[in-house]
């Protein structure tokens, strides 16, 4: 790829961000966008994640409390909370990383802070990135804060992703 194409791709809007801007303005559109997430990564359907807002650097998703995510004491299962964290991270990277680059998760560190007795909200964030400076690849850490319906943080996750230019 020539330098001009690389530069224009670095400045191009991620496809997922364009779809969010097209569909995210109302409830039906948000559900349609979320269904697209489920189709791309079917495993996440287990936590029924719904994207509430999405912009480069920040994504908010919700996940309802239902029997499929319960543990033995009737609260949100720890791994189900990891699933919503990873889903939020994935959408964040898809609306942030330009078409000139690609990403893949490398690792996850999770702190379980409290029992999660209700539906959850996951907020994924990253610091601004200058993708033009990434030539060989770099770690990008996404922070995901998961709160219950009362706003209490129940999980804090740090998901390390590897971002590099496409060949």
N, C-alpha and C. Protein backbone atom coordinates (compact mmCIF):
# COMPACT_ATOMS: atom_id res chain seq x y z
N UNK A 1 0.86 -1.17 0.00
CA UNK A 1 0.00 0.00 0.00
C UNK A 1 0.90 1.23 0.00
N UNK A 2 0.58 2.20 -0.82
CA UNK A 2 1.42 3.39 -0.86
C UNK A 2 1.13 4.30 0.33
N UNK A 3 2.05 5.24 0.56
CA UNK A 3 1.95 6.11 1.72
C UNK A 3 0.68 6.95 1.71
N UNK A 4 0.25 7.39 0.54
CA UNK A 4 -0.97 8.20 0.44
C UNK A 4 -2.19 7.41 0.89
N UNK A 5 -2.29 6.15 0.46
CA UNK A 5 -3.41 5.30 0.89
C UNK A 5 -3.37 5.04 2.39
N UNK A 6 -2.16 4.80 2.93
CA UNK A 6 -2.03 4.56 4.37
C UNK A 6 -2.49 5.78 5.15
N UNK A 7 -2.09 6.96 4.70
CA UNK A 7 -2.48 8.19 5.38
C UNK A 7 -3.98 8.40 5.33
N UNK A 8 -4.60 8.16 4.18
CA UNK A 8 -6.05 8.36 4.07
C UNK A 8 -6.80 7.32 4.90
N UNK A 9 -6.28 6.09 4.98
CA UNK A 9 -6.94 5.08 5.82
C UNK A 9 -6.80 5.42 7.30
N UNK A 10 -5.64 5.99 7.70
CA UNK A 10 -5.45 6.39 9.10
C UNK A 10 -6.45 7.46 9.49
N UNK A 11 -6.80 8.31 8.53
CA UNK A 11 -7.74 9.39 8.81
C UNK A 11 -9.19 8.99 8.54
N UNK A 12 -9.40 7.82 7.96
CA UNK A 12 -10.75 7.36 7.65
C UNK A 12 -11.47 6.92 8.92
N UNK A 13 -12.78 7.06 8.89
CA UNK A 13 -13.61 6.67 10.03
C UNK A 13 -13.74 5.15 10.07
N UNK A 14 -13.59 4.54 11.24
CA UNK A 14 -13.83 3.10 11.34
C UNK A 14 -15.26 2.76 10.89
N UNK A 15 -15.42 1.64 10.20
CA UNK A 15 -16.73 1.24 9.68
C UNK A 15 -17.77 1.15 10.81
N UNK A 16 -17.38 0.58 11.94
CA UNK A 16 -18.32 0.43 13.06
C UNK A 16 -18.79 1.79 13.57
N UNK A 17 -17.91 2.78 13.56
CA UNK A 17 -18.31 4.11 14.01
C UNK A 17 -19.34 4.71 13.06
N UNK A 18 -19.14 4.53 11.77
CA UNK A 18 -20.12 5.01 10.79
C UNK A 18 -21.47 4.34 10.97
N UNK A 19 -21.46 3.03 11.25
CA UNK A 19 -22.72 2.31 11.49
C UNK A 19 -23.40 2.82 12.76
N UNK A 20 -22.61 3.05 13.81
CA UNK A 20 -23.19 3.58 15.05
C UNK A 20 -23.83 4.94 14.81
N UNK A 21 -23.12 5.80 14.09
CA UNK A 21 -23.67 7.13 13.83
C UNK A 21 -24.95 7.05 13.00
N UNK A 22 -25.04 6.05 12.17
CA UNK A 22 -26.24 5.87 11.35
C UNK A 22 -27.41 5.32 12.16
N UNK A 23 -27.14 4.35 13.04
CA UNK A 23 -28.21 3.63 13.72
C UNK A 23 -28.37 3.94 15.20
N UNK A 24 -27.37 4.53 15.86
CA UNK A 24 -27.38 4.65 17.31
C UNK A 24 -28.27 5.73 17.90
N UNK A 25 -28.99 6.46 17.07
CA UNK A 25 -29.76 7.60 17.56
C UNK A 25 -31.10 7.27 18.20
N UNK A 26 -31.53 6.00 18.13
CA UNK A 26 -32.81 5.63 18.74
C UNK A 26 -32.74 4.19 19.21
N UNK A 27 -33.74 3.79 19.99
CA UNK A 27 -33.75 2.46 20.61
C UNK A 27 -33.67 1.33 19.59
N UNK A 28 -34.47 1.41 18.53
CA UNK A 28 -34.46 0.35 17.51
C UNK A 28 -33.09 0.29 16.84
N UNK A 29 -32.53 1.44 16.53
CA UNK A 29 -31.21 1.48 15.90
C UNK A 29 -30.13 0.92 16.80
N UNK A 30 -30.19 1.24 18.10
CA UNK A 30 -29.20 0.70 19.05
C UNK A 30 -29.33 -0.81 19.14
N UNK A 31 -30.56 -1.31 19.14
CA UNK A 31 -30.75 -2.77 19.16
C UNK A 31 -30.24 -3.41 17.88
N UNK A 32 -30.47 -2.76 16.74
CA UNK A 32 -29.97 -3.29 15.46
C UNK A 32 -28.44 -3.31 15.46
N UNK A 33 -27.82 -2.23 15.93
CA UNK A 33 -26.36 -2.18 16.01
C UNK A 33 -25.86 -3.29 16.94
N UNK A 34 -26.50 -3.44 18.09
CA UNK A 34 -26.11 -4.47 19.05
C UNK A 34 -26.27 -5.86 18.45
N UNK A 35 -27.33 -6.08 17.68
CA UNK A 35 -27.51 -7.37 17.00
C UNK A 35 -26.37 -7.63 16.04
N UNK A 36 -25.85 -6.59 15.41
CA UNK A 36 -24.67 -6.75 14.56
C UNK A 36 -23.46 -7.19 15.35
N UNK A 37 -23.32 -6.66 16.56
CA UNK A 37 -22.23 -7.10 17.45
C UNK A 37 -22.40 -8.57 17.77
N UNK A 38 -23.64 -8.98 18.08
CA UNK A 38 -23.90 -10.39 18.40
C UNK A 38 -23.58 -11.28 17.21
N UNK A 39 -23.90 -10.83 16.01
CA UNK A 39 -23.64 -11.63 14.81
C UNK A 39 -22.14 -11.78 14.57
N UNK A 40 -21.39 -10.73 14.84
CA UNK A 40 -19.94 -10.77 14.62
C UNK A 40 -19.24 -11.61 15.68
N UNK A 41 -19.75 -11.58 16.90
CA UNK A 41 -19.16 -12.32 18.02
C UNK A 41 -20.27 -13.02 18.79
N UNK A 42 -20.78 -14.14 18.27
CA UNK A 42 -21.98 -14.79 18.84
C UNK A 42 -21.86 -15.18 20.31
N UNK A 43 -20.67 -15.43 20.80
CA UNK A 43 -20.54 -15.84 22.20
C UNK A 43 -21.08 -14.78 23.15
N UNK A 44 -20.98 -13.51 22.77
CA UNK A 44 -21.43 -12.44 23.65
C UNK A 44 -22.94 -12.41 23.83
N UNK A 45 -23.68 -13.13 23.00
CA UNK A 45 -25.14 -13.16 23.14
C UNK A 45 -25.53 -13.65 24.53
N UNK A 46 -24.69 -14.44 25.17
CA UNK A 46 -25.02 -14.97 26.49
C UNK A 46 -25.26 -13.88 27.52
N UNK A 47 -24.65 -12.70 27.33
CA UNK A 47 -24.85 -11.60 28.28
C UNK A 47 -25.76 -10.52 27.70
N UNK A 48 -26.31 -10.75 26.51
CA UNK A 48 -27.25 -9.84 25.85
C UNK A 48 -26.78 -8.38 25.93
N UNK A 49 -25.57 -8.09 25.45
CA UNK A 49 -25.07 -6.72 25.56
C UNK A 49 -25.78 -5.77 24.60
N UNK A 50 -26.15 -4.61 25.09
CA UNK A 50 -26.77 -3.58 24.25
C UNK A 50 -25.90 -2.33 24.34
N UNK A 51 -25.47 -1.85 23.18
CA UNK A 51 -24.65 -0.65 23.12
C UNK A 51 -25.55 0.56 23.38
N UNK A 52 -25.19 1.37 24.36
CA UNK A 52 -25.95 2.58 24.70
C UNK A 52 -25.33 3.83 24.10
N UNK A 53 -24.00 3.85 24.05
CA UNK A 53 -23.30 4.97 23.40
C UNK A 53 -21.95 4.46 22.91
N UNK A 54 -21.48 5.07 21.83
CA UNK A 54 -20.20 4.66 21.25
C UNK A 54 -19.56 5.85 20.56
N UNK A 55 -18.32 6.09 20.89
CA UNK A 55 -17.53 7.13 20.25
C UNK A 55 -16.08 6.71 20.40
N UNK A 56 -15.19 7.21 19.56
CA UNK A 56 -13.78 6.85 19.72
C UNK A 56 -13.31 7.15 21.14
N UNK A 57 -12.76 6.12 21.78
CA UNK A 57 -12.24 6.29 23.14
C UNK A 57 -13.20 5.98 24.26
N UNK A 58 -14.50 5.77 23.94
CA UNK A 58 -15.47 5.50 25.02
C UNK A 58 -16.70 4.78 24.48
N UNK A 59 -17.06 3.68 25.14
CA UNK A 59 -18.27 2.91 24.81
C UNK A 59 -18.98 2.55 26.10
N UNK A 60 -20.31 2.64 26.07
CA UNK A 60 -21.13 2.21 27.20
C UNK A 60 -22.09 1.14 26.71
N UNK A 61 -22.12 0.01 27.43
CA UNK A 61 -23.02 -1.11 27.12
C UNK A 61 -23.75 -1.52 28.39
N UNK A 62 -24.93 -2.08 28.22
CA UNK A 62 -25.65 -2.64 29.36
C UNK A 62 -25.88 -4.13 29.13
N UNK A 63 -26.08 -4.83 30.22
CA UNK A 63 -26.36 -6.26 30.18
C UNK A 63 -27.41 -6.56 31.25
N UNK A 64 -28.53 -7.17 30.84
CA UNK A 64 -29.59 -7.44 31.82
C UNK A 64 -29.24 -8.62 32.73
N UNK A 65 -29.78 -8.58 33.93
CA UNK A 65 -29.66 -9.73 34.83
C UNK A 65 -30.78 -10.70 34.46
N UNK A 66 -30.40 -11.89 34.07
CA UNK A 66 -31.36 -12.93 33.73
C UNK A 66 -30.76 -14.26 34.14
N UNK A 67 -31.54 -15.34 34.26
CA UNK A 67 -31.02 -16.60 34.79
C UNK A 67 -29.78 -17.14 34.07
N UNK A 68 -29.60 -16.81 32.80
CA UNK A 68 -28.45 -17.30 32.06
C UNK A 68 -27.11 -16.72 32.51
N UNK A 69 -27.13 -15.66 33.31
CA UNK A 69 -25.88 -15.06 33.79
C UNK A 69 -25.71 -15.24 35.30
N UNK A 70 -26.62 -15.96 35.94
CA UNK A 70 -26.57 -16.15 37.40
C UNK A 70 -25.47 -17.14 37.80
N UNK A 71 -24.92 -16.91 38.96
CA UNK A 71 -24.06 -17.89 39.61
C UNK A 71 -24.89 -18.64 40.66
N UNK A 72 -24.24 -19.40 41.51
CA UNK A 72 -24.94 -20.22 42.49
C UNK A 72 -25.64 -19.42 43.58
N UNK A 73 -25.33 -18.12 43.72
CA UNK A 73 -26.01 -17.30 44.74
C UNK A 73 -26.97 -16.29 44.11
N UNK A 74 -27.21 -16.44 42.81
CA UNK A 74 -28.21 -15.61 42.15
C UNK A 74 -27.75 -14.23 41.71
N UNK A 75 -26.43 -13.99 41.76
CA UNK A 75 -25.91 -12.72 41.27
C UNK A 75 -25.21 -12.96 39.93
N UNK A 76 -24.74 -11.90 39.30
CA UNK A 76 -24.05 -12.01 38.02
C UNK A 76 -22.80 -12.86 38.19
N UNK A 77 -22.63 -13.87 37.36
CA UNK A 77 -21.47 -14.74 37.40
C UNK A 77 -20.22 -13.96 37.00
N UNK A 78 -19.10 -14.28 37.63
CA UNK A 78 -17.84 -13.57 37.36
C UNK A 78 -17.45 -13.62 35.88
N UNK A 79 -17.59 -14.78 35.26
CA UNK A 79 -17.20 -14.89 33.85
C UNK A 79 -18.18 -14.15 32.96
N UNK A 80 -19.45 -14.09 33.34
CA UNK A 80 -20.40 -13.28 32.58
C UNK A 80 -19.99 -11.81 32.62
N UNK A 81 -19.49 -11.36 33.77
CA UNK A 81 -19.02 -9.98 33.86
C UNK A 81 -17.78 -9.77 33.00
N UNK A 82 -16.92 -10.79 32.91
CA UNK A 82 -15.77 -10.70 32.00
C UNK A 82 -16.26 -10.61 30.55
N UNK A 83 -17.33 -11.34 30.23
CA UNK A 83 -17.87 -11.28 28.86
C UNK A 83 -18.36 -9.89 28.51
N UNK A 84 -19.07 -9.23 29.40
CA UNK A 84 -19.56 -7.88 29.09
C UNK A 84 -18.38 -6.92 29.01
N UNK A 85 -17.35 -7.13 29.83
CA UNK A 85 -16.15 -6.29 29.74
C UNK A 85 -15.48 -6.47 28.38
N UNK A 86 -15.34 -7.70 27.94
CA UNK A 86 -14.69 -7.94 26.65
C UNK A 86 -15.55 -7.44 25.50
N UNK A 87 -16.86 -7.57 25.61
CA UNK A 87 -17.75 -7.05 24.56
C UNK A 87 -17.60 -5.53 24.45
N UNK A 88 -17.59 -4.84 25.58
CA UNK A 88 -17.44 -3.38 25.56
C UNK A 88 -16.08 -2.98 24.99
N UNK A 89 -15.03 -3.71 25.36
CA UNK A 89 -13.71 -3.43 24.81
C UNK A 89 -13.71 -3.62 23.30
N UNK A 90 -14.33 -4.70 22.83
CA UNK A 90 -14.35 -4.97 21.40
C UNK A 90 -15.05 -3.89 20.60
N UNK A 91 -16.20 -3.44 21.09
CA UNK A 91 -16.91 -2.36 20.39
C UNK A 91 -16.08 -1.08 20.44
N UNK A 92 -15.47 -0.80 21.60
CA UNK A 92 -14.61 0.38 21.70
C UNK A 92 -13.51 0.35 20.65
N UNK A 93 -12.83 -0.77 20.53
CA UNK A 93 -11.74 -0.85 19.55
C UNK A 93 -12.28 -0.74 18.12
N UNK A 94 -13.43 -1.32 17.86
CA UNK A 94 -14.00 -1.25 16.51
C UNK A 94 -14.42 0.16 16.12
N UNK A 95 -14.83 0.98 17.08
CA UNK A 95 -15.22 2.36 16.74
C UNK A 95 -14.05 3.34 16.86
N UNK A 96 -12.91 2.86 17.31
CA UNK A 96 -11.75 3.73 17.53
C UNK A 96 -10.62 3.48 16.54
N UNK A 97 -10.31 2.22 16.28
CA UNK A 97 -9.15 1.88 15.44
C UNK A 97 -9.48 2.14 13.97
N UNK A 98 -8.64 2.93 13.28
CA UNK A 98 -8.92 3.26 11.88
C UNK A 98 -8.72 2.05 10.97
N UNK A 99 -9.25 2.12 9.75
CA UNK A 99 -9.13 0.99 8.81
C UNK A 99 -7.68 0.63 8.46
N UNK A 100 -6.74 1.52 8.72
CA UNK A 100 -5.33 1.26 8.42
C UNK A 100 -4.67 0.33 9.43
N UNK A 101 -5.35 0.06 10.54
CA UNK A 101 -4.78 -0.73 11.63
C UNK A 101 -5.72 -1.88 12.01
N UNK A 102 -5.17 -2.82 12.77
CA UNK A 102 -5.96 -3.93 13.30
C UNK A 102 -5.58 -4.16 14.75
N UNK A 103 -6.45 -4.86 15.45
CA UNK A 103 -6.24 -5.08 16.88
C UNK A 103 -6.63 -6.50 17.24
N UNK A 104 -6.10 -6.98 18.35
CA UNK A 104 -6.48 -8.27 18.90
C UNK A 104 -6.23 -8.21 20.41
N UNK A 105 -7.12 -8.81 21.22
CA UNK A 105 -6.86 -8.80 22.67
C UNK A 105 -5.69 -9.72 23.01
N UNK A 106 -4.90 -9.29 24.01
CA UNK A 106 -3.74 -10.07 24.47
C UNK A 106 -3.92 -10.61 25.88
N UNK A 107 -4.61 -9.87 26.71
CA UNK A 107 -4.73 -10.30 28.10
C UNK A 107 -5.74 -9.46 28.85
N UNK A 108 -6.16 -9.99 30.00
CA UNK A 108 -7.16 -9.29 30.80
C UNK A 108 -6.82 -9.46 32.27
N UNK A 109 -6.84 -8.35 33.00
CA UNK A 109 -6.70 -8.37 34.45
C UNK A 109 -8.01 -7.85 35.02
N UNK A 110 -8.56 -8.59 35.97
CA UNK A 110 -9.90 -8.26 36.48
C UNK A 110 -9.87 -8.19 38.00
N UNK A 111 -10.50 -7.14 38.53
CA UNK A 111 -10.72 -7.03 39.96
C UNK A 111 -12.22 -7.14 40.19
N UNK A 112 -12.63 -8.14 40.98
CA UNK A 112 -14.03 -8.29 41.36
C UNK A 112 -14.20 -7.54 42.68
N UNK A 113 -14.95 -6.46 42.64
CA UNK A 113 -15.02 -5.54 43.77
C UNK A 113 -16.23 -5.78 44.68
N UNK A 114 -17.30 -6.32 44.11
CA UNK A 114 -18.52 -6.55 44.89
C UNK A 114 -19.42 -7.50 44.13
N UNK A 115 -20.39 -8.09 44.85
CA UNK A 115 -21.40 -8.90 44.18
C UNK A 115 -22.21 -8.00 43.26
N UNK A 116 -22.67 -8.59 42.16
CA UNK A 116 -23.46 -7.83 41.17
C UNK A 116 -24.90 -8.35 41.19
N UNK A 117 -25.77 -7.73 41.99
CA UNK A 117 -27.13 -8.24 42.16
C UNK A 117 -28.13 -7.76 41.12
N UNK A 118 -27.70 -6.94 40.16
CA UNK A 118 -28.65 -6.33 39.22
C UNK A 118 -28.09 -6.34 37.81
N UNK A 119 -28.84 -5.76 36.89
CA UNK A 119 -28.32 -5.53 35.55
C UNK A 119 -27.07 -4.66 35.66
N UNK A 120 -26.23 -4.72 34.62
CA UNK A 120 -24.94 -4.04 34.68
C UNK A 120 -24.75 -3.04 33.55
N UNK A 121 -23.89 -2.07 33.81
CA UNK A 121 -23.45 -1.13 32.79
C UNK A 121 -21.93 -1.20 32.73
N UNK A 122 -21.41 -1.43 31.53
CA UNK A 122 -19.96 -1.49 31.31
C UNK A 122 -19.54 -0.25 30.53
N UNK A 123 -18.56 0.46 31.05
CA UNK A 123 -18.01 1.63 30.37
C UNK A 123 -16.55 1.35 30.05
N UNK A 124 -16.25 1.27 28.76
CA UNK A 124 -14.88 1.01 28.29
C UNK A 124 -14.27 2.31 27.81
N UNK A 125 -13.02 2.57 28.23
CA UNK A 125 -12.34 3.80 27.83
C UNK A 125 -10.87 3.52 27.52
N UNK A 126 -10.32 4.39 26.66
CA UNK A 126 -8.88 4.41 26.41
C UNK A 126 -8.45 5.86 26.27
N UNK A 127 -7.18 6.08 26.47
CA UNK A 127 -6.59 7.40 26.24
C UNK A 127 -6.51 7.61 24.73
N UNK A 128 -6.53 8.86 24.28
CA UNK A 128 -6.39 9.12 22.83
C UNK A 128 -5.10 8.51 22.28
N UNK A 129 -5.19 7.99 21.07
CA UNK A 129 -4.06 7.31 20.43
C UNK A 129 -3.75 8.02 19.11
N UNK A 130 -2.47 8.26 18.86
CA UNK A 130 -2.04 8.76 17.55
C UNK A 130 -1.63 7.54 16.73
N UNK A 131 -2.55 7.03 15.92
CA UNK A 131 -2.30 5.82 15.16
C UNK A 131 -1.17 6.01 14.15
N UNK A 132 -0.91 7.24 13.75
CA UNK A 132 0.18 7.52 12.82
C UNK A 132 1.55 7.19 13.37
N UNK A 133 1.66 7.10 14.69
CA UNK A 133 2.95 6.78 15.32
C UNK A 133 3.14 5.28 15.53
N UNK A 134 2.13 4.49 15.25
CA UNK A 134 2.22 3.04 15.44
C UNK A 134 2.71 2.42 14.14
N UNK A 135 3.98 1.99 14.14
CA UNK A 135 4.54 1.42 12.92
C UNK A 135 4.78 -0.09 13.03
N UNK A 136 5.14 -0.57 14.21
CA UNK A 136 5.41 -1.99 14.38
C UNK A 136 4.35 -2.70 15.21
N UNK A 137 3.59 -1.97 15.94
CA UNK A 137 2.60 -2.53 16.84
C UNK A 137 2.87 -2.07 18.26
N UNK A 138 1.81 -1.99 19.04
CA UNK A 138 1.96 -1.53 20.42
C UNK A 138 0.80 -2.05 21.27
N UNK A 139 1.06 -2.15 22.55
CA UNK A 139 0.00 -2.50 23.49
C UNK A 139 -0.88 -1.28 23.74
N UNK A 140 -2.17 -1.50 23.73
CA UNK A 140 -3.14 -0.47 24.10
C UNK A 140 -4.02 -1.07 25.19
N UNK A 141 -4.06 -0.43 26.35
CA UNK A 141 -4.84 -0.94 27.47
C UNK A 141 -6.20 -0.24 27.51
N UNK A 142 -7.24 -1.06 27.50
CA UNK A 142 -8.62 -0.57 27.61
C UNK A 142 -9.06 -0.81 29.05
N UNK A 143 -9.57 0.22 29.69
CA UNK A 143 -10.11 0.09 31.04
C UNK A 143 -11.62 -0.05 30.94
N UNK A 144 -12.16 -1.04 31.65
CA UNK A 144 -13.61 -1.25 31.66
C UNK A 144 -14.08 -1.22 33.10
N UNK A 145 -14.97 -0.29 33.39
CA UNK A 145 -15.60 -0.20 34.70
C UNK A 145 -17.02 -0.74 34.57
N UNK A 146 -17.37 -1.70 35.41
CA UNK A 146 -18.72 -2.28 35.38
C UNK A 146 -19.43 -1.90 36.67
N UNK A 147 -20.60 -1.31 36.51
CA UNK A 147 -21.38 -0.85 37.66
C UNK A 147 -22.75 -1.52 37.69
N UNK A 148 -23.32 -1.60 38.90
CA UNK A 148 -24.67 -2.14 39.03
C UNK A 148 -25.68 -1.01 38.81
N UNK A 149 -26.97 -1.33 38.98
CA UNK A 149 -28.01 -0.33 38.69
C UNK A 149 -27.96 0.88 39.62
N UNK A 150 -27.28 0.75 40.76
CA UNK A 150 -27.14 1.87 41.69
C UNK A 150 -25.86 2.67 41.47
N UNK A 151 -25.09 2.30 40.45
CA UNK A 151 -23.85 3.01 40.15
C UNK A 151 -22.64 2.53 40.93
N UNK A 152 -22.79 1.44 41.68
CA UNK A 152 -21.67 0.88 42.44
C UNK A 152 -20.78 0.07 41.50
N UNK A 153 -19.47 0.34 41.53
CA UNK A 153 -18.56 -0.43 40.68
C UNK A 153 -18.41 -1.83 41.26
N UNK A 154 -18.68 -2.84 40.43
CA UNK A 154 -18.58 -4.23 40.86
C UNK A 154 -17.38 -4.94 40.24
N UNK A 155 -16.91 -4.43 39.10
CA UNK A 155 -15.75 -5.00 38.42
C UNK A 155 -14.94 -3.87 37.80
N UNK A 156 -13.63 -4.01 37.86
CA UNK A 156 -12.74 -3.14 37.11
C UNK A 156 -11.82 -4.06 36.33
N UNK A 157 -11.80 -3.90 35.01
CA UNK A 157 -10.98 -4.75 34.16
C UNK A 157 -10.04 -3.88 33.33
N UNK A 158 -8.86 -4.42 33.09
CA UNK A 158 -7.90 -3.81 32.19
C UNK A 158 -7.58 -4.84 31.13
N UNK A 159 -7.95 -4.53 29.90
CA UNK A 159 -7.77 -5.47 28.80
C UNK A 159 -6.68 -4.92 27.88
N UNK A 160 -5.60 -5.68 27.76
CA UNK A 160 -4.50 -5.28 26.89
C UNK A 160 -4.77 -5.79 25.49
N UNK A 161 -4.70 -4.88 24.53
CA UNK A 161 -4.86 -5.24 23.12
C UNK A 161 -3.55 -4.93 22.40
N UNK A 162 -3.34 -5.64 21.30
CA UNK A 162 -2.19 -5.39 20.44
C UNK A 162 -2.72 -4.71 19.19
N UNK A 163 -2.20 -3.52 18.91
CA UNK A 163 -2.63 -2.74 17.75
C UNK A 163 -1.44 -2.58 16.82
N UNK A 164 -1.67 -2.86 15.53
CA UNK A 164 -0.59 -2.71 14.56
C UNK A 164 -1.18 -2.30 13.21
N UNK A 165 -0.33 -1.74 12.36
CA UNK A 165 -0.81 -1.41 11.01
C UNK A 165 -1.13 -2.69 10.25
N UNK A 166 -2.11 -2.62 9.37
CA UNK A 166 -2.39 -3.75 8.50
C UNK A 166 -1.28 -3.84 7.46
N UNK A 167 -0.97 -5.05 7.07
CA UNK A 167 0.07 -5.23 6.04
C UNK A 167 -0.49 -5.04 4.66
